[in-house]
Amino acid sequence: MKLGIILVKSPFGSRKVETVLQTATLALEKGNSVDLFMISDGVWLSKVPDEGIKELLRKIGEKGRIYVCGASAQARGLKKEELIDFIVSEDSYGDIVDLVMEEWDKVVVC
């Protein structure tokens, strides 16, 4: 199964994002494919997070793809050189539609 996770919430002030990332790594361990798409305030997760979150992202990035919405990052003043090094793509809102409609079997929005 191909799982797509769309992260729209800020990773600050809540453990929801960490819980979703832990769930994603469990899905990978069970042989599923997982992609993560950060959009809106979710792009804040791409700016070098703490080591625990960074390790979860690394696990996802090793077997899946991690995307950041370039427009969302730019709107928040995030520069490419500030982002974690294993993000595979800076995509747009239009790209997320293609992923949802054509690639992912299930989608989780957080």
PDB file of N, CA and C in Angstrom:
ATOM      1  N   MET A   1       0.836  -1.175   0.000  1.00  0.00           N
ATOM      2  CA  MET A   1       0.000   0.000   0.000  1.00  0.00           C
ATOM      3  C   MET A   1       0.888   1.248   0.000  1.00  0.00           C
ATOM      4  N   LYS A   2       0.471   2.244  -0.740  1.00  0.00           N
ATOM      5  CA  LYS A   2       1.166   3.530  -0.767  1.00  0.00           C
ATOM      6  C   LYS A   2       0.387   4.516   0.100  1.00  0.00           C
ATOM      7  N   LEU A   3       1.035   4.976   1.158  1.00  0.00           N
ATOM      8  CA  LEU A   3       0.429   5.912   2.091  1.00  0.00           C
ATOM      9  C   LEU A   3       1.017   7.292   1.858  1.00  0.00           C
ATOM     10  N   GLY A   4       0.158   8.276   1.724  1.00  0.00           N
ATOM     11  CA  GLY A   4       0.587   9.662   1.609  1.00  0.00           C
ATOM     12  C   GLY A   4       0.171  10.419   2.850  1.00  0.00           C
ATOM     13  N   ILE A   5       1.104  11.105   3.459  1.00  0.00           N
ATOM     14  CA  ILE A   5       0.805  11.915   4.637  1.00  0.00           C
ATOM     15  C   ILE A   5       0.980  13.372   4.250  1.00  0.00           C
ATOM     16  N   ILE A   6      -0.075  14.133   4.425  1.00  0.00           N
ATOM     17  CA  ILE A   6      -0.035  15.566   4.143  1.00  0.00           C
ATOM     18  C   ILE A   6       0.000  16.282   5.486  1.00  0.00           C
ATOM     19  N   LEU A   7       1.099  16.930   5.756  1.00  0.00           N
ATOM     20  CA  LEU A   7       1.284  17.615   7.028  1.00  0.00           C
ATOM     21  C   LEU A   7       1.004  19.096   6.838  1.00  0.00           C
ATOM     22  N   VAL A   8      -0.074  19.580   7.452  1.00  0.00           N
ATOM     23  CA  VAL A   8      -0.458  20.985   7.319  1.00  0.00           C
ATOM     24  C   VAL A   8      -0.291  21.761   8.617  1.00  0.00           C
ATOM     25  N   LYS A   9      -0.160  21.060   9.729  1.00  0.00           N
ATOM     26  CA  LYS A   9      -0.073  21.720  11.033  1.00  0.00           C
ATOM     27  C   LYS A   9       1.377  21.958  11.429  1.00  0.00           C
ATOM     28  N   SER A  10       1.559  22.996  12.209  1.00  0.00           N
ATOM     29  CA  SER A  10       2.881  23.289  12.750  1.00  0.00           C
ATOM     30  C   SER A  10       3.302  22.173  13.702  1.00  0.00           C
ATOM     31  N   PRO A  11       4.566  21.813  13.689  1.00  0.00           N
ATOM     32  CA  PRO A  11       5.036  20.775  14.600  1.00  0.00           C
ATOM     33  C   PRO A  11       5.233  21.278  16.029  1.00  0.00           C
ATOM     34  N   PHE A  12       5.017  22.550  16.267  1.00  0.00           N
ATOM     35  CA  PHE A  12       5.258  23.140  17.582  1.00  0.00           C
ATOM     36  C   PHE A  12       3.999  23.123  18.435  1.00  0.00           C
ATOM     37  N   GLY A  13       4.157  22.855  19.721  1.00  0.00           N
ATOM     38  CA  GLY A  13       3.048  22.949  20.661  1.00  0.00           C
ATOM     39  C   GLY A  13       2.145  21.737  20.740  1.00  0.00           C
ATOM     40  N   SER A  14       2.476  20.674  20.054  1.00  0.00           N
ATOM     41  CA  SER A  14       1.642  19.473  20.069  1.00  0.00           C
ATOM     42  C   SER A  14       2.493  18.261  19.699  1.00  0.00           C
ATOM     43  N   ARG A  15       2.079  17.099  20.175  1.00  0.00           N
ATOM     44  CA  ARG A  15       2.777  15.862  19.830  1.00  0.00           C
ATOM     45  C   ARG A  15       2.108  15.150  18.658  1.00  0.00           C
ATOM     46  N   LYS A  16       1.081  15.767  18.066  1.00  0.00           N
ATOM     47  CA  LYS A  16       0.366  15.124  16.958  1.00  0.00           C
ATOM     48  C   LYS A  16       1.294  14.784  15.796  1.00  0.00           C
ATOM     49  N   VAL A  17       2.141  15.709  15.438  1.00  0.00           N
ATOM     50  CA  VAL A  17       3.037  15.495  14.300  1.00  0.00           C
ATOM     51  C   VAL A  17       3.990  14.338  14.597  1.00  0.00           C
ATOM     52  N   GLU A  18       4.537  14.306  15.797  1.00  0.00           N
ATOM     53  CA  GLU A  18       5.437  13.210  16.167  1.00  0.00           C
ATOM     54  C   GLU A  18       4.713  11.870  16.111  1.00  0.00           C
ATOM     55  N   THR A  19       3.465  11.841  16.577  1.00  0.00           N
ATOM     56  CA  THR A  19       2.675  10.609  16.535  1.00  0.00           C
ATOM     57  C   THR A  19       2.450  10.148  15.101  1.00  0.00           C
ATOM     58  N   VAL A  20       2.153  11.076  14.208  1.00  0.00           N
ATOM     59  CA  VAL A  20       1.948  10.730  12.798  1.00  0.00           C
ATOM     60  C   VAL A  20       3.243  10.193  12.190  1.00  0.00           C
ATOM     61  N   LEU A  21       4.372  10.801  12.519  1.00  0.00           N
ATOM     62  CA  LEU A  21       5.656  10.328  11.995  1.00  0.00           C
ATOM     63  C   LEU A  21       5.999   8.941  12.534  1.00  0.00           C
ATOM     64  N   GLN A  22       5.684   8.688  13.795  1.00  0.00           N
ATOM     65  CA  GLN A  22       5.905   7.350  14.359  1.00  0.00           C
ATOM     66  C   GLN A  22       5.031   6.319  13.648  1.00  0.00           C
ATOM     67  N   THR A  23       3.793   6.680  13.371  1.00  0.00           N
ATOM     68  CA  THR A  23       2.888   5.795  12.637  1.00  0.00           C
ATOM     69  C   THR A  23       3.430   5.518  11.238  1.00  0.00           C
ATOM     70  N   ALA A  24       3.966   6.545  10.605  1.00  0.00           N
ATOM     71  CA  ALA A  24       4.545   6.379   9.264  1.00  0.00           C
ATOM     72  C   ALA A  24       5.713   5.398   9.287  1.00  0.00           C
ATOM     73  N   THR A  25       6.575   5.496  10.291  1.00  0.00           N
ATOM     74  CA  THR A  25       7.710   4.572  10.353  1.00  0.00           C
ATOM     75  C   THR A  25       7.242   3.145  10.617  1.00  0.00           C
ATOM     76  N   LEU A  26       6.184   2.983  11.401  1.00  0.00           N
ATOM     77  CA  LEU A  26       5.615   1.644  11.608  1.00  0.00           C
ATOM     78  C   LEU A  26       5.065   1.080  10.301  1.00  0.00           C
ATOM     79  N   ALA A  27       4.405   1.937   9.525  1.00  0.00           N
ATOM     80  CA  ALA A  27       3.880   1.499   8.223  1.00  0.00           C
ATOM     81  C   ALA A  27       5.023   1.044   7.314  1.00  0.00           C
ATOM     82  N   LEU A  28       6.139   1.760   7.344  1.00  0.00           N
ATOM     83  CA  LEU A  28       7.309   1.367   6.552  1.00  0.00           C
ATOM     84  C   LEU A  28       7.851   0.014   7.005  1.00  0.00           C
ATOM     85  N   GLU A  29       7.907  -0.183   8.316  1.00  0.00           N
ATOM     86  CA  GLU A  29       8.409  -1.448   8.855  1.00  0.00           C
ATOM     87  C   GLU A  29       7.540  -2.630   8.434  1.00  0.00           C
ATOM     88  N   LYS A  30       6.264  -2.367   8.173  1.00  0.00           N
ATOM     89  CA  LYS A  30       5.344  -3.423   7.745  1.00  0.00           C
ATOM     90  C   LYS A  30       5.344  -3.606   6.229  1.00  0.00           C
ATOM     91  N   GLY A  31       6.260  -2.922   5.546  1.00  0.00           N
ATOM     92  CA  GLY A  31       6.410  -3.112   4.110  1.00  0.00           C
ATOM     93  C   GLY A  31       5.611  -2.176   3.232  1.00  0.00           C
ATOM     94  N   ASN A  32       4.997  -1.173   3.812  1.00  0.00           N
ATOM     95  CA  ASN A  32       4.232  -0.206   3.033  1.00  0.00           C
ATOM     96  C   ASN A  32       5.144   0.908   2.523  1.00  0.00           C
ATOM     97  N   SER A  33       4.678   1.623   1.529  1.00  0.00           N
ATOM     98  CA  SER A  33       5.371   2.783   0.997  1.00  0.00           C
ATOM     99  C   SER A  33       4.769   4.027   1.649  1.00  0.00           C
ATOM    100  N   VAL A  34       5.619   4.960   2.072  1.00  0.00           N
ATOM    101  CA  VAL A  34       5.133   6.169   2.735  1.00  0.00           C
ATOM    102  C   VAL A  34       5.822   7.385   2.133  1.00  0.00           C
ATOM    103  N   ASP A  35       5.023   8.383   1.770  1.00  0.00           N
ATOM    104  CA  ASP A  35       5.528   9.687   1.350  1.00  0.00           C
ATOM    105  C   ASP A  35       4.980  10.732   2.310  1.00  0.00           C
ATOM    106  N   LEU A  36       5.743  11.787   2.528  1.00  0.00           N
ATOM    107  CA  LEU A  36       5.336  12.885   3.401  1.00  0.00           C
ATOM    108  C   LEU A  36       5.380  14.172   2.587  1.00  0.00           C
ATOM    109  N   PHE A  37       4.292  14.932   2.626  1.00  0.00           N
ATOM    110  CA  PHE A  37       4.216  16.205   1.913  1.00  0.00           C
ATOM    111  C   PHE A  37       3.922  17.292   2.941  1.00  0.00           C
ATOM    112  N   MET A  38       4.865  18.205   3.143  1.00  0.00           N
ATOM    113  CA  MET A  38       4.693  19.312   4.085  1.00  0.00           C
ATOM    114  C   MET A  38       4.160  20.518   3.332  1.00  0.00           C
ATOM    115  N   ILE A  39       3.081  21.060   3.863  1.00  0.00           N
ATOM    116  CA  ILE A  39       2.419  22.180   3.213  1.00  0.00           C
ATOM    117  C   ILE A  39       1.890  23.117   4.301  1.00  0.00           C
ATOM    118  N   SER A  40       1.635  24.347   3.981  1.00  0.00           N
ATOM    119  CA  SER A  40       1.134  25.323   4.939  1.00  0.00           C
ATOM    120  C   SER A  40       2.106  25.390   6.124  1.00  0.00           C
ATOM    121  N   ASP A  41       1.611  25.427   7.372  1.00  0.00           N
ATOM    122  CA  ASP A  41       2.504  25.495   8.529  1.00  0.00           C
ATOM    123  C   ASP A  41       3.287  24.206   8.753  1.00  0.00           C
ATOM    124  N   GLY A  42       2.921  23.138   8.071  1.00  0.00           N
ATOM    125  CA  GLY A  42       3.660  21.886   8.169  1.00  0.00           C
ATOM    126  C   GLY A  42       5.093  22.001   7.672  1.00  0.00           C
ATOM    127  N   VAL A  43       5.371  23.015   6.844  1.00  0.00           N
ATOM    128  CA  VAL A  43       6.733  23.177   6.317  1.00  0.00           C
ATOM    129  C   VAL A  43       7.741  23.494   7.415  1.00  0.00           C
ATOM    130  N   TRP A  44       7.268  23.972   8.563  1.00  0.00           N
ATOM    131  CA  TRP A  44       8.189  24.266   9.657  1.00  0.00           C
ATOM    132  C   TRP A  44       8.940  23.022  10.107  1.00  0.00           C
ATOM    133  N   LEU A  45       8.368  21.857   9.885  1.00  0.00           N
ATOM    134  CA  LEU A  45       9.036  20.611  10.252  1.00  0.00           C
ATOM    135  C   LEU A  45      10.306  20.398   9.428  1.00  0.00           C
ATOM    136  N   SER A  46      10.385  21.010   8.271  1.00  0.00           N
ATOM    137  CA  SER A  46      11.533  20.820   7.379  1.00  0.00           C
ATOM    138  C   SER A  46      12.763  21.612   7.807  1.00  0.00           C
ATOM    139  N   LYS A  47      12.588  22.509   8.751  1.00  0.00           N
ATOM    140  CA  LYS A  47      13.719  23.339   9.194  1.00  0.00           C
ATOM    141  C   LYS A  47      14.409  22.660  10.374  1.00  0.00           C
ATOM    142  N   VAL A  48      15.402  21.894  10.062  1.00  0.00           N
ATOM    143  CA  VAL A  48      16.222  21.138  10.994  1.00  0.00           C
ATOM    144  C   VAL A  48      15.582  20.988  12.382  1.00  0.00           C
ATOM    145  N   PRO A  49      14.758  19.940  12.536  1.00  0.00           N
ATOM    146  CA  PRO A  49      14.059  19.705  13.800  1.00  0.00           C
ATOM    147  C   PRO A  49      14.974  19.078  14.852  1.00  0.00           C
ATOM    148  N   ASP A  50      14.411  18.829  16.048  1.00  0.00           N
ATOM    149  CA  ASP A  50      15.213  18.175  17.091  1.00  0.00           C
ATOM    150  C   ASP A  50      15.597  16.766  16.645  1.00  0.00           C
ATOM    151  N   GLU A  51      16.530  16.169  17.339  1.00  0.00           N
ATOM    152  CA  GLU A  51      17.104  14.890  16.902  1.00  0.00           C
ATOM    153  C   GLU A  51      16.080  13.760  16.816  1.00  0.00           C
ATOM    154  N   GLY A  52      15.118  13.693  17.755  1.00  0.00           N
ATOM    155  CA  GLY A  52      14.110  12.630  17.713  1.00  0.00           C
ATOM    156  C   GLY A  52      13.255  12.704  16.459  1.00  0.00           C
ATOM    157  N   ILE A  53      12.771  13.899  16.154  1.00  0.00           N
ATOM    158  CA  ILE A  53      11.960  14.105  14.952  1.00  0.00           C
ATOM    159  C   ILE A  53      12.820  13.907  13.708  1.00  0.00           C
ATOM    160  N   LYS A  54      14.047  14.394  13.760  1.00  0.00           N
ATOM    161  CA  LYS A  54      14.941  14.257  12.605  1.00  0.00           C
ATOM    162  C   LYS A  54      15.173  12.780  12.284  1.00  0.00           C
ATOM    163  N   GLU A  55      15.310  11.947  13.306  1.00  0.00           N
ATOM    164  CA  GLU A  55      15.521  10.517  13.080  1.00  0.00           C
ATOM    165  C   GLU A  55      14.285   9.875  12.450  1.00  0.00           C
ATOM    166  N   LEU A  56      13.087  10.262  12.901  1.00  0.00           N
ATOM    167  CA  LEU A  56      11.858   9.743  12.286  1.00  0.00           C
ATOM    168  C   LEU A  56      11.784  10.158  10.819  1.00  0.00           C
ATOM    169  N   LEU A  57      12.110  11.408  10.537  1.00  0.00           N
ATOM    170  CA  LEU A  57      12.106  11.887   9.152  1.00  0.00           C
ATOM    171  C   LEU A  57      13.145  11.151   8.311  1.00  0.00           C
ATOM    172  N   ARG A  58      14.297  10.887   8.902  1.00  0.00           N
ATOM    173  CA  ARG A  58      15.342  10.166   8.173  1.00  0.00           C
ATOM    174  C   ARG A  58      14.849   8.769   7.782  1.00  0.00           C
ATOM    175  N   LYS A  59      14.153   8.096   8.691  1.00  0.00           N
ATOM    176  CA  LYS A  59      13.617   6.763   8.399  1.00  0.00           C
ATOM    177  C   LYS A  59      12.613   6.820   7.253  1.00  0.00           C
ATOM    178  N   ILE A  60      11.772   7.840   7.267  1.00  0.00           N
ATOM    179  CA  ILE A  60      10.796   7.997   6.183  1.00  0.00           C
ATOM    180  C   ILE A  60      11.526   8.306   4.876  1.00  0.00           C
ATOM    181  N   GLY A  61      12.507   9.202   4.939  1.00  0.00           N
ATOM    182  CA  GLY A  61      13.253   9.595   3.746  1.00  0.00           C
ATOM    183  C   GLY A  61      14.091   8.486   3.133  1.00  0.00           C
ATOM    184  N   GLU A  62      14.497   7.509   3.941  1.00  0.00           N
ATOM    185  CA  GLU A  62      15.298   6.399   3.418  1.00  0.00           C
ATOM    186  C   GLU A  62      14.485   5.482   2.513  1.00  0.00           C
ATOM    187  N   LYS A  63      13.210   5.311   2.833  1.00  0.00           N
ATOM    188  CA  LYS A  63      12.378   4.369   2.077  1.00  0.00           C
ATOM    189  C   LYS A  63      11.270   5.046   1.281  1.00  0.00           C
ATOM    190  N   GLY A  64      10.976   6.282   1.619  1.00  0.00           N
ATOM    191  CA  GLY A  64       9.912   7.011   0.938  1.00  0.00           C
ATOM    192  C   GLY A  64      10.439   8.346   0.443  1.00  0.00           C
ATOM    193  N   ARG A  65       9.515   9.222   0.130  1.00  0.00           N
ATOM    194  CA  ARG A  65       9.885  10.549  -0.365  1.00  0.00           C
ATOM    195  C   ARG A  65       9.327  11.607   0.576  1.00  0.00           C
ATOM    196  N   ILE A  66      10.079  12.666   0.752  1.00  0.00           N
ATOM    197  CA  ILE A  66       9.641  13.790   1.572  1.00  0.00           C
ATOM    198  C   ILE A  66       9.616  15.023   0.681  1.00  0.00           C
ATOM    199  N   TYR A  67       8.459  15.650   0.633  1.00  0.00           N
ATOM    200  CA  TYR A  67       8.263  16.841  -0.193  1.00  0.00           C
ATOM    201  C   TYR A  67       7.989  18.048   0.705  1.00  0.00           C
ATOM    202  N   VAL A  68       8.383  19.212   0.239  1.00  0.00           N
ATOM    203  CA  VAL A  68       8.046  20.469   0.884  1.00  0.00           C
ATOM    204  C   VAL A  68       7.404  21.352  -0.169  1.00  0.00           C
ATOM    205  N   CYS A  69       6.285  21.965   0.163  1.00  0.00           N
ATOM    206  CA  CYS A  69       5.655  22.906  -0.761  1.00  0.00           C
ATOM    207  C   CYS A  69       6.529  24.157  -0.819  1.00  0.00           C
ATOM    208  N   GLY A  70       7.110  24.400  -1.978  1.00  0.00           N
ATOM    209  CA  GLY A  70       7.995  25.538  -2.147  1.00  0.00           C
ATOM    210  C   GLY A  70       7.319  26.869  -1.856  1.00  0.00           C
ATOM    211  N   ALA A  71       6.060  27.024  -2.268  1.00  0.00           N
ATOM    212  CA  ALA A  71       5.335  28.277  -2.035  1.00  0.00           C
ATOM    213  C   ALA A  71       5.097  28.497  -0.544  1.00  0.00           C
ATOM    214  N   SER A  72       4.748  27.428   0.177  1.00  0.00           N
ATOM    215  CA  SER A  72       4.523  27.538   1.623  1.00  0.00           C
ATOM    216  C   SER A  72       5.819  27.887   2.348  1.00  0.00           C
ATOM    217  N   ALA A  73       6.909  27.254   1.944  1.00  0.00           N
ATOM    218  CA  ALA A  73       8.204  27.532   2.570  1.00  0.00           C
ATOM    219  C   ALA A  73       8.625  28.975   2.307  1.00  0.00           C
ATOM    220  N   GLN A  74       8.456  29.412   1.075  1.00  0.00           N
ATOM    221  CA  GLN A  74       8.836  30.774   0.714  1.00  0.00           C
ATOM    222  C   GLN A  74       7.991  31.793   1.477  1.00  0.00           C
ATOM    223  N   ALA A  75       6.699  31.528   1.616  1.00  0.00           N
ATOM    224  CA  ALA A  75       5.807  32.444   2.323  1.00  0.00           C
ATOM    225  C   ALA A  75       6.193  32.591   3.797  1.00  0.00           C
ATOM    226  N   ARG A  76       6.871  31.583   4.342  1.00  0.00           N
ATOM    227  CA  ARG A  76       7.289  31.608   5.742  1.00  0.00           C
ATOM    228  C   ARG A  76       8.758  31.990   5.903  1.00  0.00           C
ATOM    229  N   GLY A  77       9.372  32.400   4.805  1.00  0.00           N
ATOM    230  CA  GLY A  77      10.750  32.863   4.852  1.00  0.00           C
ATOM    231  C   GLY A  77      11.788  31.765   4.993  1.00  0.00           C
ATOM    232  N   LEU A  78      11.403  30.522   4.722  1.00  0.00           N
ATOM    233  CA  LEU A  78      12.350  29.409   4.809  1.00  0.00           C
ATOM    234  C   LEU A  78      13.169  29.325   3.527  1.00  0.00           C
ATOM    235  N   LYS A  79      14.457  29.188   3.691  1.00  0.00           N
ATOM    236  CA  LYS A  79      15.352  29.076   2.544  1.00  0.00           C
ATOM    237  C   LYS A  79      15.801  27.631   2.389  1.00  0.00           C
ATOM    238  N   LYS A  80      16.089  27.238   1.168  1.00  0.00           N
ATOM    239  CA  LYS A  80      16.471  25.857   0.868  1.00  0.00           C
ATOM    240  C   LYS A  80      17.632  25.378   1.736  1.00  0.00           C
ATOM    241  N   GLU A  81      18.610  26.226   1.968  1.00  0.00           N
ATOM    242  CA  GLU A  81      19.777  25.818   2.752  1.00  0.00           C
ATOM    243  C   GLU A  81      19.456  25.603   4.236  1.00  0.00           C
ATOM    244  N   GLU A  82      18.290  26.055   4.687  1.00  0.00           N
ATOM    245  CA  GLU A  82      17.881  25.851   6.078  1.00  0.00           C
ATOM    246  C   GLU A  82      17.157  24.522   6.293  1.00  0.00           C
ATOM    247  N   LEU A  83      16.783  23.863   5.217  1.00  0.00           N
ATOM    248  CA  LEU A  83      15.953  22.669   5.328  1.00  0.00           C
ATOM    249  C   LEU A  83      16.798  21.423   5.570  1.00  0.00           C
ATOM    250  N   ILE A  84      16.172  20.412   6.166  1.00  0.00           N
ATOM    251  CA  ILE A  84      16.874  19.148   6.375  1.00  0.00           C
ATOM    252  C   ILE A  84      17.335  18.614   5.031  1.00  0.00           C
ATOM    253  N   ASP A  85      18.429  17.897   5.049  1.00  0.00           N
ATOM    254  CA  ASP A  85      19.106  17.543   3.800  1.00  0.00           C
ATOM    255  C   ASP A  85      18.492  16.395   3.016  1.00  0.00           C
ATOM    256  N   PHE A  86      17.511  15.690   3.556  1.00  0.00           N
ATOM    257  CA  PHE A  86      16.976  14.547   2.822  1.00  0.00           C
ATOM    258  C   PHE A  86      15.593  14.798   2.230  1.00  0.00           C
ATOM    259  N   ILE A  87      15.239  16.060   2.057  1.00  0.00           N
ATOM    260  CA  ILE A  87      14.008  16.391   1.343  1.00  0.00           C
ATOM    261  C   ILE A  87      14.283  16.216  -0.145  1.00  0.00           C
ATOM    262  N   VAL A  88      13.441  15.441  -0.815  1.00  0.00           N
ATOM    263  CA  VAL A  88      13.716  15.131  -2.214  1.00  0.00           C
ATOM    264  C   VAL A  88      13.192  16.170  -3.185  1.00  0.00           C
ATOM    265  N   SER A  89      12.225  16.952  -2.771  1.00  0.00           N
ATOM    266  CA  SER A  89      11.623  17.829  -3.761  1.00  0.00           C
ATOM    267  C   SER A  89      10.932  19.010  -3.109  1.00  0.00           C
ATOM    268  N   GLU A  90      11.025  20.148  -3.764  1.00  0.00           N
ATOM    269  CA  GLU A  90      10.216  21.301  -3.404  1.00  0.00           C
ATOM    270  C   GLU A  90       9.126  21.393  -4.455  1.00  0.00           C
ATOM    271  N   ASP A  91       7.950  20.940  -4.096  1.00  0.00           N
ATOM    272  CA  ASP A  91       6.851  20.886  -5.048  1.00  0.00           C
ATOM    273  C   ASP A  91       5.793  21.936  -4.725  1.00  0.00           C
ATOM    274  N   SER A  92       4.799  22.006  -5.589  1.00  0.00           N
ATOM    275  CA  SER A  92       3.753  23.011  -5.458  1.00  0.00           C
ATOM    276  C   SER A  92       2.422  22.373  -5.093  1.00  0.00           C
ATOM    277  N   TYR A  93       1.432  23.224  -4.891  1.00  0.00           N
ATOM    278  CA  TYR A  93       0.087  22.747  -4.584  1.00  0.00           C
ATOM    279  C   TYR A  93      -0.440  21.829  -5.683  1.00  0.00           C
ATOM    280  N   GLY A  94      -0.121  22.130  -6.924  1.00  0.00           N
ATOM    281  CA  GLY A  94      -0.591  21.298  -8.030  1.00  0.00           C
ATOM    282  C   GLY A  94      -0.031  19.890  -7.985  1.00  0.00           C
ATOM    283  N   ASP A  95       1.204  19.762  -7.530  1.00  0.00           N
ATOM    284  CA  ASP A  95       1.835  18.441  -7.445  1.00  0.00           C
ATOM    285  C   ASP A  95       1.161  17.552  -6.414  1.00  0.00           C
ATOM    286  N   ILE A  96       0.663  18.151  -5.351  1.00  0.00           N
ATOM    287  CA  ILE A  96       0.008  17.346  -4.322  1.00  0.00           C
ATOM    288  C   ILE A  96      -1.269  16.709  -4.867  1.00  0.00           C
ATOM    289  N   VAL A  97      -1.942  17.402  -5.761  1.00  0.00           N
ATOM    290  CA  VAL A  97      -3.150  16.843  -6.382  1.00  0.00           C
ATOM    291  C   VAL A  97      -2.796  15.593  -7.178  1.00  0.00           C
ATOM    292  N   ASP A  98      -1.732  15.656  -7.945  1.00  0.00           N
ATOM    293  CA  ASP A  98      -1.300  14.486  -8.718  1.00  0.00           C
ATOM    294  C   ASP A  98      -0.955  13.312  -7.809  1.00  0.00           C
ATOM    295  N   LEU A  99      -0.264  13.576  -6.716  1.00  0.00           N
ATOM    296  CA  LEU A  99       0.093  12.503  -5.789  1.00  0.00           C
ATOM    297  C   LEU A  99      -1.151  11.855  -5.189  1.00  0.00           C
ATOM    298  N   VAL A 100      -2.098  12.677  -4.760  1.00  0.00           N
ATOM    299  CA  VAL A 100      -3.329  12.150  -4.154  1.00  0.00           C
ATOM    300  C   VAL A 100      -4.138  11.347  -5.165  1.00  0.00           C
ATOM    301  N   MET A 101      -4.272  11.852  -6.364  1.00  0.00           N
ATOM    302  CA  MET A 101      -5.137  11.211  -7.357  1.00  0.00           C
ATOM    303  C   MET A 101      -4.490  10.021  -8.063  1.00  0.00           C
ATOM    304  N   GLU A 102      -3.168  10.043  -8.228  1.00  0.00           N
ATOM    305  CA  GLU A 102      -2.528   9.044  -9.078  1.00  0.00           C
ATOM    306  C   GLU A 102      -1.569   8.088  -8.372  1.00  0.00           C
ATOM    307  N   GLU A 103      -1.004   8.474  -7.236  1.00  0.00           N
ATOM    308  CA  GLU A 103       0.033   7.632  -6.639  1.00  0.00           C
ATOM    309  C   GLU A 103      -0.355   6.982  -5.318  1.00  0.00           C
ATOM    310  N   TRP A 104      -1.009   7.717  -4.444  1.00  0.00           N
ATOM    311  CA  TRP A 104      -1.262   7.214  -3.097  1.00  0.00           C
ATOM    312  C   TRP A 104      -2.566   6.429  -3.020  1.00  0.00           C
ATOM    313  N   ASP A 105      -2.525   5.300  -2.295  1.00  0.00           N
ATOM    314  CA  ASP A 105      -3.735   4.506  -2.063  1.00  0.00           C
ATOM    315  C   ASP A 105      -4.551   5.070  -0.907  1.00  0.00           C
ATOM    316  N   LYS A 106      -3.877   5.542   0.117  1.00  0.00           N
ATOM    317  CA  LYS A 106      -4.511   6.127   1.306  1.00  0.00           C
ATOM    318  C   LYS A 106      -3.822   7.444   1.610  1.00  0.00           C
ATOM    319  N   VAL A 107      -4.589   8.387   2.172  1.00  0.00           N
ATOM    320  CA  VAL A 107      -4.049   9.698   2.511  1.00  0.00           C
ATOM    321  C   VAL A 107      -4.430  10.042   3.947  1.00  0.00           C
ATOM    322  N   VAL A 108      -3.451  10.499   4.709  1.00  0.00           N
ATOM    323  CA  VAL A 108      -3.669  10.982   6.069  1.00  0.00           C
ATOM    324  C   VAL A 108      -3.320  12.459   6.065  1.00  0.00           C
ATOM    325  N   VAL A 109      -4.207  13.282   6.614  1.00  0.00           N
ATOM    326  CA  VAL A 109      -3.955  14.717   6.711  1.00  0.00           C
ATOM    327  C   VAL A 109      -3.844  15.069   8.188  1.00  0.00           C
ATOM    328  N   CYS A 110      -2.773  15.737   8.531  1.00  0.00           N
ATOM    329  CA  CYS A 110      -2.551  16.121   9.926  1.00  0.00           C
ATOM    330  C   CYS A 110      -2.140  17.582   9.970  1.00  0.00           C
TER     331      CYS A 110
END
